[in-house]
Amino acid sequence: MYKRIPSRPNEAPSIHLGELNKAPYSTGGQYVGEKDTAKLLTVLRGLPVVFVPGRLADASHSLHIEESTFLDHWSHPSNIRARNLFLSLLHAHQQAHPNQRVALACGDVHIGNAYGIQWEGGNKPRLYQFTSSALTARESRMDYRKIKVGERLTAWTSIDCPKTPYGGSCSGKIDHLPGGKNPFTEPNIGLIEVQRFGDVSNLKFKLIGYHPKEDRPVTYFESGWLA
């Protein structure tokens, strides 16, 4: 099942950057609560919630490097509060329902990747984030290098959220999932496969791109079954 909650921290109309419209989170919390018995919860996000380290987003914005892009990242200091609200909501839900698989499906950054977020403490459920884009657009080699540097640095960081109205404080480790080219910077499409075992659903994520010489698709990344 899929649910799209407003995709960018500043997406809601009449909300200036750095301000928070609580309505999307209240709606999201109500939706998540209604899916307590679901085996799989997939939340669609326009931008990856975990992608560029906060300091890099802040420095790049200060240097006026692709200004609007970095302002929209969830890790930009202006958007950290909104990101923390969203992550604490998911963390609280996962603590209450550790057997339910939860994944974020994202795009819009011209890169494909797969992260695992291992929550610390409590039931220690794992949150997955899958990103796939773009299908046809191509960036310059220099742009791809910059994207990959920021994306790889994220795996050296961690999540540390304070208590919010939607959940208690939470922290977690971020890592790249093994299985091939991750990140993958060529045009791609992402597939999520689901395998059900009674009351449990396991996930598999694939990134499929073009063959460099032949007119056929190639799977460049394929995770194992994710519990």
Foldseek 3Di string as FASTA:
>chain_A
DEDEQAAWQQRDPPRDQLDHDCVSLVVVLVVLVVCLQPQEYEYEHAADQQAFAQVVLQVCCVVVNVNVVSSRHCSHPSNVVVSLSVVQLVVVSCLVRVQHAYEYEYEDPQKWFKKWKFKDDRPGHIYIYTYADDQDDADDPVVLVVRVVRRVVSQVDKDWHDQDPNHHTIITHMDTADFAPGTGRARWDKDWDWDDDVSHIWIKMWTWHADPPDGDIDTGGIGDTHD
